[in-house]
C-alpha atoms as a PDB file:
ATOM      1  CA  MET A   1      14.265  35.163-105.227  1.00  0.00           C
ATOM      2  CA  VAL A   2      15.421  31.826-103.751  1.00  0.00           C
ATOM      3  CA  ASN A   3      19.010  32.479-104.941  1.00  0.00           C
ATOM      4  CA  LEU A   4      18.945  35.951-103.383  1.00  0.00           C
ATOM      5  CA  VAL A   5      17.827  34.525-100.017  1.00  0.00           C
ATOM      6  CA  LYS A   6      20.457  31.764-100.226  1.00  0.00           C
ATOM      7  CA  THR A   7      23.183  34.350-101.028  1.00  0.00           C
ATOM      8  CA  ASP A   8      22.092  36.551 -98.121  1.00  0.00           C
ATOM      9  CA  PHE A   9      22.050  33.522 -95.827  1.00  0.00           C
ATOM     10  CA  ASP A  10      25.538  32.506 -96.999  1.00  0.00           C
ATOM     11  CA  ASN A  11      26.844  36.043 -96.384  1.00  0.00           C
ATOM     12  CA  LEU A  12      25.272  36.133 -92.928  1.00  0.00           C
ATOM     13  CA  TYR A  13      26.727  32.705 -92.133  1.00  0.00           C
ATOM     14  CA  GLU A  14      30.218  33.878 -93.179  1.00  0.00           C
ATOM     15  CA  GLU A  15      29.907  37.010 -91.044  1.00  0.00           C
ATOM     16  CA  LEU A  16      28.720  35.022 -88.017  1.00  0.00           C
ATOM     17  CA  SER A  17      31.465  32.433 -88.498  1.00  0.00           C
ATOM     18  CA  PHE A  18      34.079  35.197 -88.632  1.00  0.00           C
ATOM     19  CA  LEU A  19      32.597  36.811 -85.513  1.00  0.00           C
ATOM     20  CA  TYR A  20      32.654  33.479 -83.688  1.00  0.00           C
ATOM     21  CA  GLU A  21      36.314  32.971 -84.598  1.00  0.00           C
ATOM     22  CA  GLU A  22      37.071  36.560 -83.579  1.00  0.00           C
ATOM     23  CA  LEU A  23      35.548  36.088 -80.120  1.00  0.00           C
ATOM     24  CA  THR A  24      37.002  32.701 -79.325  1.00  0.00           C
ATOM     25  CA  ASN A  25      40.454  32.864 -80.874  1.00  0.00           C
ATOM     26  CA  VAL A  26      42.518  33.203 -77.700  1.00  0.00           C
ATOM     27  CA  LYS A  27      46.273  33.640 -77.416  1.00  0.00           C
ATOM     28  CA  VAL A  28      47.987  31.783 -74.574  1.00  0.00           C
ATOM     29  CA  LYS A  29      51.779  31.809 -74.325  1.00  0.00           C
ATOM     30  CA  ASP A  30      52.111  33.119 -77.891  1.00  0.00           C
ATOM     31  CA  LYS A  31      49.953  30.333 -79.380  1.00  0.00           C
ATOM     32  CA  ASP A  32      46.403  30.658 -80.674  1.00  0.00           C
ATOM     33  CA  TYR A  33      43.649  28.424 -79.326  1.00  0.00           C
ATOM     34  CA  ASN A  34      39.934  28.278 -79.971  1.00  0.00           C
ATOM     35  CA  PHE A  35      38.151  28.383 -76.626  1.00  0.00           C
ATOM     36  CA  VAL A  36      34.417  28.461 -75.990  1.00  0.00           C
ATOM     37  CA  THR A  37      34.710  32.066 -74.748  1.00  0.00           C
ATOM     38  CA  LYS A  38      37.216  34.876 -74.856  1.00  0.00           C
ATOM     39  CA  PHE A  39      38.896  36.014 -71.622  1.00  0.00           C
ATOM     40  CA  MET A  40      36.377  37.845 -69.419  1.00  0.00           C
ATOM     41  CA  SER A  41      36.579  40.066 -66.351  1.00  0.00           C
ATOM     42  CA  GLN A  42      34.840  39.076 -63.123  1.00  0.00           C
ATOM     43  CA  ALA A  43      31.794  41.191 -64.040  1.00  0.00           C
ATOM     44  CA  GLU A  44      31.612  39.732 -67.563  1.00  0.00           C
ATOM     45  CA  SER A  45      31.804  36.171 -66.249  1.00  0.00           C
ATOM     46  CA  GLU A  46      29.163  36.897 -63.593  1.00  0.00           C
ATOM     47  CA  ALA A  47      26.846  38.140 -66.354  1.00  0.00           C
ATOM     48  CA  LEU A  48      26.950  34.587 -67.801  1.00  0.00           C
ATOM     49  CA  TYR A  49      26.233  32.780 -64.506  1.00  0.00           C
ATOM     50  CA  ASN A  50      22.695  31.722 -65.283  1.00  0.00           C
ATOM     51  CA  THR A  51      23.325  30.616 -68.855  1.00  0.00           C
ATOM     52  CA  ASN A  52      23.354  26.976 -69.902  1.00  0.00           C
ATOM     53  CA  LEU A  53      27.027  27.331 -70.805  1.00  0.00           C
ATOM     54  CA  LEU A  54      28.078  27.942 -67.201  1.00  0.00           C
ATOM     55  CA  LYS A  55      25.748  25.279 -65.798  1.00  0.00           C
ATOM     56  CA  SER A  56      27.809  22.681 -67.675  1.00  0.00           C
ATOM     57  CA  PRO A  57      30.890  20.764 -66.561  1.00  0.00           C
ATOM     58  CA  GLY A  58      34.095  21.790 -68.271  1.00  0.00           C
ATOM     59  CA  ILE A  59      37.563  23.297 -68.253  1.00  0.00           C
ATOM     60  CA  TYR A  60      38.411  26.962 -67.595  1.00  0.00           C
ATOM     61  CA  ILE A  61      41.522  29.115 -67.487  1.00  0.00           C
ATOM     62  CA  PHE A  62      42.395  32.195 -65.426  1.00  0.00           C
ATOM     63  CA  GLU A  63      44.882  34.699 -66.817  1.00  0.00           C
ATOM     64  CA  TYR A  64      46.838  37.281 -64.843  1.00  0.00           C
ATOM     65  CA  ILE A  65      47.959  40.354 -66.770  1.00  0.00           C
ATOM     66  CA  PRO A  66      50.856  42.014 -64.921  1.00  0.00           C
ATOM     67  CA  THR A  67      50.593  45.583 -63.779  1.00  0.00           C
ATOM     68  CA  PRO A  68      53.377  48.045 -64.676  1.00  0.00           C
ATOM     69  CA  ASP A  69      54.704  47.815 -61.093  1.00  0.00           C
ATOM     70  CA  ASP A  70      54.952  43.990 -61.143  1.00  0.00           C
ATOM     71  CA  GLU A  71      58.695  43.393 -61.369  1.00  0.00           C
ATOM     72  CA  LYS A  72      58.327  39.890 -62.858  1.00  0.00           C
ATOM     73  CA  GLN A  73      56.181  41.130 -65.766  1.00  0.00           C
ATOM     74  CA  PHE A  74      54.927  37.688 -66.819  1.00  0.00           C
ATOM     75  CA  ILE A  75      51.424  36.791 -67.909  1.00  0.00           C
ATOM     76  CA  ARG A  76      50.460  33.827 -65.722  1.00  0.00           C
ATOM     77  CA  TYR A  77      47.781  31.147 -66.010  1.00  0.00           C
ATOM     78  CA  TYR A  78      45.734  28.661 -64.009  1.00  0.00           C
ATOM     79  CA  VAL A  79      43.751  25.829 -65.628  1.00  0.00           C
ATOM     80  CA  GLY A  80      40.967  24.137 -63.688  1.00  0.00           C
ATOM     81  CA  LYS A  81      38.030  21.770 -64.048  1.00  0.00           C
ATOM     82  CA  ALA A  82      34.478  22.056 -62.814  1.00  0.00           C
ATOM     83  CA  THR A  83      31.392  19.927 -62.505  1.00  0.00           C
ATOM     84  CA  LYS A  84      29.462  23.193 -62.869  1.00  0.00           C
ATOM     85  CA  LEU A  85      31.544  26.013 -64.351  1.00  0.00           C
ATOM     86  CA  GLN A  86      29.411  28.757 -62.788  1.00  0.00           C
ATOM     87  CA  ASP A  87      29.929  27.514 -59.237  1.00  0.00           C
ATOM     88  CA  ARG A  88      33.651  26.872 -59.566  1.00  0.00           C
ATOM     89  CA  ILE A  89      34.454  30.193 -61.237  1.00  0.00           C
ATOM     90  CA  ALA A  90      32.338  32.059 -58.666  1.00  0.00           C
ATOM     91  CA  ALA A  91      34.196  30.201 -55.918  1.00  0.00           C
ATOM     92  CA  HIS A  92      37.557  31.342 -57.305  1.00  0.00           C
ATOM     93  CA  TRP A  93      36.429  34.966 -57.416  1.00  0.00           C
ATOM     94  CA  GLY A  94      35.086  34.679 -53.848  1.00  0.00           C
ATOM     95  CA  MET A  95      37.777  32.500 -52.245  1.00  0.00           C
ATOM     96  CA  ARG A  96      40.570  34.892 -53.097  1.00  0.00           C
ATOM     97  CA  LYS A  97      39.941  36.544 -49.746  1.00  0.00           C
ATOM     98  CA  ARG A  98      40.463  33.599 -47.425  1.00  0.00           C
ATOM     99  CA  ASP A  99      42.755  30.768 -48.472  1.00  0.00           C
ATOM    100  CA  SER A 100      46.331  30.106 -49.528  1.00  0.00           C
ATOM    101  CA  ILE A 101      45.947  28.506 -52.980  1.00  0.00           C
ATOM    102  CA  ALA A 102      48.486  30.142 -55.327  1.00  0.00           C
ATOM    103  CA  LEU A 103      45.821  31.580 -57.646  1.00  0.00           C
ATOM    104  CA  HIS A 104      43.881  33.131 -54.762  1.00  0.00           C
ATOM    105  CA  ALA A 105      47.021  34.486 -53.102  1.00  0.00           C
ATOM    106  CA  ALA A 106      47.918  36.152 -56.411  1.00  0.00           C
ATOM    107  CA  MET A 107      44.390  37.600 -56.690  1.00  0.00           C
ATOM    108  CA  ARG A 108      44.813  39.109 -53.224  1.00  0.00           C
ATOM    109  CA  GLU A 109      48.260  40.471 -54.062  1.00  0.00           C
ATOM    110  CA  HIS A 110      47.477  41.909 -57.496  1.00  0.00           C
ATOM    111  CA  GLY A 111      43.702  42.519 -57.288  1.00  0.00           C
ATOM    112  CA  ALA A 112      40.915  40.688 -59.103  1.00  0.00           C
ATOM    113  CA  LYS A 113      40.778  43.447 -61.718  1.00  0.00           C
ATOM    114  CA  ASN A 114      44.056  42.099 -63.126  1.00  0.00           C
ATOM    115  CA  PHE A 115      42.591  38.623 -63.728  1.00  0.00           C
ATOM    116  CA  LYS A 116      40.370  37.317 -66.496  1.00  0.00           C
ATOM    117  CA  VAL A 117      38.733  33.928 -67.024  1.00  0.00           C
ATOM    118  CA  ALA A 118      37.837  31.996 -70.182  1.00  0.00           C
ATOM    119  CA  ILE A 119      35.956  28.765 -70.752  1.00  0.00           C
ATOM    120  CA  ILE A 120      38.271  26.414 -72.650  1.00  0.00           C
ATOM    121  CA  GLU A 121      35.682  23.722 -73.270  1.00  0.00           C
ATOM    122  CA  THR A 122      32.608  22.027 -71.936  1.00  0.00           C
ATOM    123  CA  CYS A 123      32.701  18.251 -71.629  1.00  0.00           C
ATOM    124  CA  PRO A 124      30.934  15.411 -69.812  1.00  0.00           C
ATOM    125  CA  GLU A 125      31.652  15.427 -66.072  1.00  0.00           C
ATOM    126  CA  ALA A 126      33.362  12.025 -66.338  1.00  0.00           C
ATOM    127  CA  GLU A 127      35.952  13.535 -68.711  1.00  0.00           C
ATOM    128  CA  THR A 128      36.835  16.686 -66.738  1.00  0.00           C
ATOM    129  CA  SER A 129      39.855  15.172 -64.946  1.00  0.00           C
ATOM    130  CA  LYS A 130      41.345  13.849 -68.176  1.00  0.00           C
ATOM    131  CA  GLU A 131      40.687  17.101 -70.035  1.00  0.00           C
ATOM    132  CA  GLU A 132      42.110  19.219 -67.205  1.00  0.00           C
ATOM    133  CA  LYS A 133      45.348  17.205 -67.331  1.00  0.00           C
ATOM    134  CA  THR A 134      45.431  17.513 -71.122  1.00  0.00           C
ATOM    135  CA  TRP A 135      45.050  21.301 -71.032  1.00  0.00           C
ATOM    136  CA  ILE A 136      47.517  21.795 -68.157  1.00  0.00           C
ATOM    137  CA  ASP A 137      50.055  19.764 -70.138  1.00  0.00           C
ATOM    138  CA  LYS A 138      49.269  21.503 -73.456  1.00  0.00           C
ATOM    139  CA  LEU A 139      49.513  24.987 -71.944  1.00  0.00           C
ATOM    140  CA  LYS A 140      52.424  24.049 -69.641  1.00  0.00           C
ATOM    141  CA  THR A 141      50.845  25.709 -66.594  1.00  0.00           C
ATOM    142  CA  PHE A 142      52.220  23.152 -64.099  1.00  0.00           C
ATOM    143  CA  ALA A 143      55.814  22.931 -65.261  1.00  0.00           C
ATOM    144  CA  SER A 144      56.248  26.708 -65.358  1.00  0.00           C
ATOM    145  CA  ALA A 145      57.696  28.559 -62.390  1.00  0.00           C
ATOM    146  CA  TYR A 146      55.406  31.480 -63.174  1.00  0.00           C
ATOM    147  CA  ASP A 147      51.994  29.810 -63.525  1.00  0.00           C
ATOM    148  CA  TYR A 148      49.551  28.894 -60.781  1.00  0.00           C
ATOM    149  CA  ASN A 149      48.821  25.168 -61.223  1.00  0.00           C
ATOM    150  CA  LEU A 150      50.415  23.312 -58.313  1.00  0.00           C
ATOM    151  CA  THR A 151      49.691  19.821 -59.679  1.00  0.00           C
ATOM    152  CA  PRO A 152      49.549  18.244 -63.149  1.00  0.00           C
ATOM    153  CA  GLY A 153      45.768  18.158 -62.798  1.00  0.00           C
ATOM    154  CA  GLY A 154      42.967  15.675 -62.499  1.00  0.00           C
ATOM    155  CA  GLU A 155      42.953  15.472 -58.707  1.00  0.00           C
ATOM    156  CA  GLY A 156      40.651  18.316 -57.785  1.00  0.00           C
ATOM    157  CA  GLY A 157      40.714  20.899 -54.978  1.00  0.00           C
ATOM    158  CA  LEU A 158      40.689  19.191 -51.588  1.00  0.00           C
ATOM    159  CA  GLN A 159      41.951  15.934 -53.094  1.00  0.00           C
ATOM    160  CA  SER A 160      45.051  17.818 -54.271  1.00  0.00           C
ATOM    161  CA  ILE A 161      45.636  19.155 -50.767  1.00  0.00           C
ATOM    162  CA  LYS A 162      45.194  15.667 -49.262  1.00  0.00           C
ATOM    163  CA  LEU A 163      47.594  14.239 -51.849  1.00  0.00           C
ATOM    164  CA  LEU A 164      50.134  16.954 -51.037  1.00  0.00           C
ATOM    165  CA  GLN A 165      49.772  16.271 -47.287  1.00  0.00           C
ATOM    166  CA  LYS A 166      50.288  12.552 -47.919  1.00  0.00           C
ATOM    167  CA  CYS A 167      53.454  13.302 -49.928  1.00  0.00           C
ATOM    168  CA  ILE A 168      54.766  15.634 -47.221  1.00  0.00           C
ATOM    169  CA  ASN A 169      54.112  13.000 -44.519  1.00  0.00           C
ATOM    170  CA  LYS A 170      55.862  10.311 -46.568  1.00  0.00           C
ATOM    171  CA  LEU A 171      58.788  12.625 -47.307  1.00  0.00           C
ATOM    172  CA  GLY A 172      58.998  13.468 -43.589  1.00  0.00           C
ATOM    173  CA  LYS A 173      59.232   9.764 -42.698  1.00  0.00           C
ATOM    174  CA  ILE A 174      61.938   9.207 -45.313  1.00  0.00           C
ATOM    175  CA  LEU A 175      63.918  12.206 -44.050  1.00  0.00           C
ATOM    176  CA  GLN A 176      63.539  10.977 -40.464  1.00  0.00           C
ATOM    177  CA  GLN A 177      64.901   7.549 -41.471  1.00  0.00           C
ATOM    178  CA  HIS A 178      67.887   9.169 -43.188  1.00  0.00           C
ATOM    179  CA  LEU A 179      68.520  11.430 -40.209  1.00  0.00           C
ATOM    180  CA  ASN A 180      68.404   8.436 -37.865  1.00  0.00           C
ATOM    181  CA  SER A 181      70.883   6.590 -40.120  1.00  0.00           C
ATOM    182  CA  ILE A 182      73.232   9.586 -40.124  1.00  0.00           C
ATOM    183  CA  LEU A 183      72.994   9.945 -36.323  1.00  0.00           C
ATOM    184  CA  LYS A 184      73.726   6.232 -35.915  1.00  0.00           C
ATOM    185  CA  LEU A 185      76.806   6.546 -38.149  1.00  0.00           C
ATOM    186  CA  LEU A 186      78.022   9.561 -36.197  1.00  0.00           C
ATOM    187  CA  LYS A 187      77.584   7.711 -32.897  1.00  0.00           C
ATOM    188  CA  ASN A 188      79.542   4.744 -34.237  1.00  0.00           C
ATOM    189  CA  GLU A 189      82.399   7.015 -35.328  1.00  0.00           C
ATOM    190  CA  ALA A 190      82.575   8.730 -31.953  1.00  0.00           C
END
């Protein structure tokens, strides 16, 4: 009797392990990865909002599946970090209507129905910046002309915008200095 129960338990364990692998084996850019969840629609992700999984900090990925009328025909990705996955993912679904972040602009252009989200991993809040950078680098979503990450990661929403503004201001000053030098040279030649 004990052997029969152990055999049944082993069989059940194998079936559950296979099911777990089946659900979380995710293909991104022709490579397989094991994420915490499979890619989910907006409605599927909202169904998980009050679970412990989405109350955790972690890393997530949005995927855009092109429509037949999309002339570029590329699957595109966005990797992000969150101190509370539920809030950040909900914000992405909701913010697509009002701002100019590349992911949200694409959601407006192509419709939310063409996007899916997956949880890559949960991790301590202190590690989210490091893990976001790791996943953006691993999945090459910053270096690609077709993906939606605008930075190599780790900065976070408004901090990224402030960093970009700082870079633009510094670049503007450098360009102004060069323009002044060129104008001075032209005056001297005249």
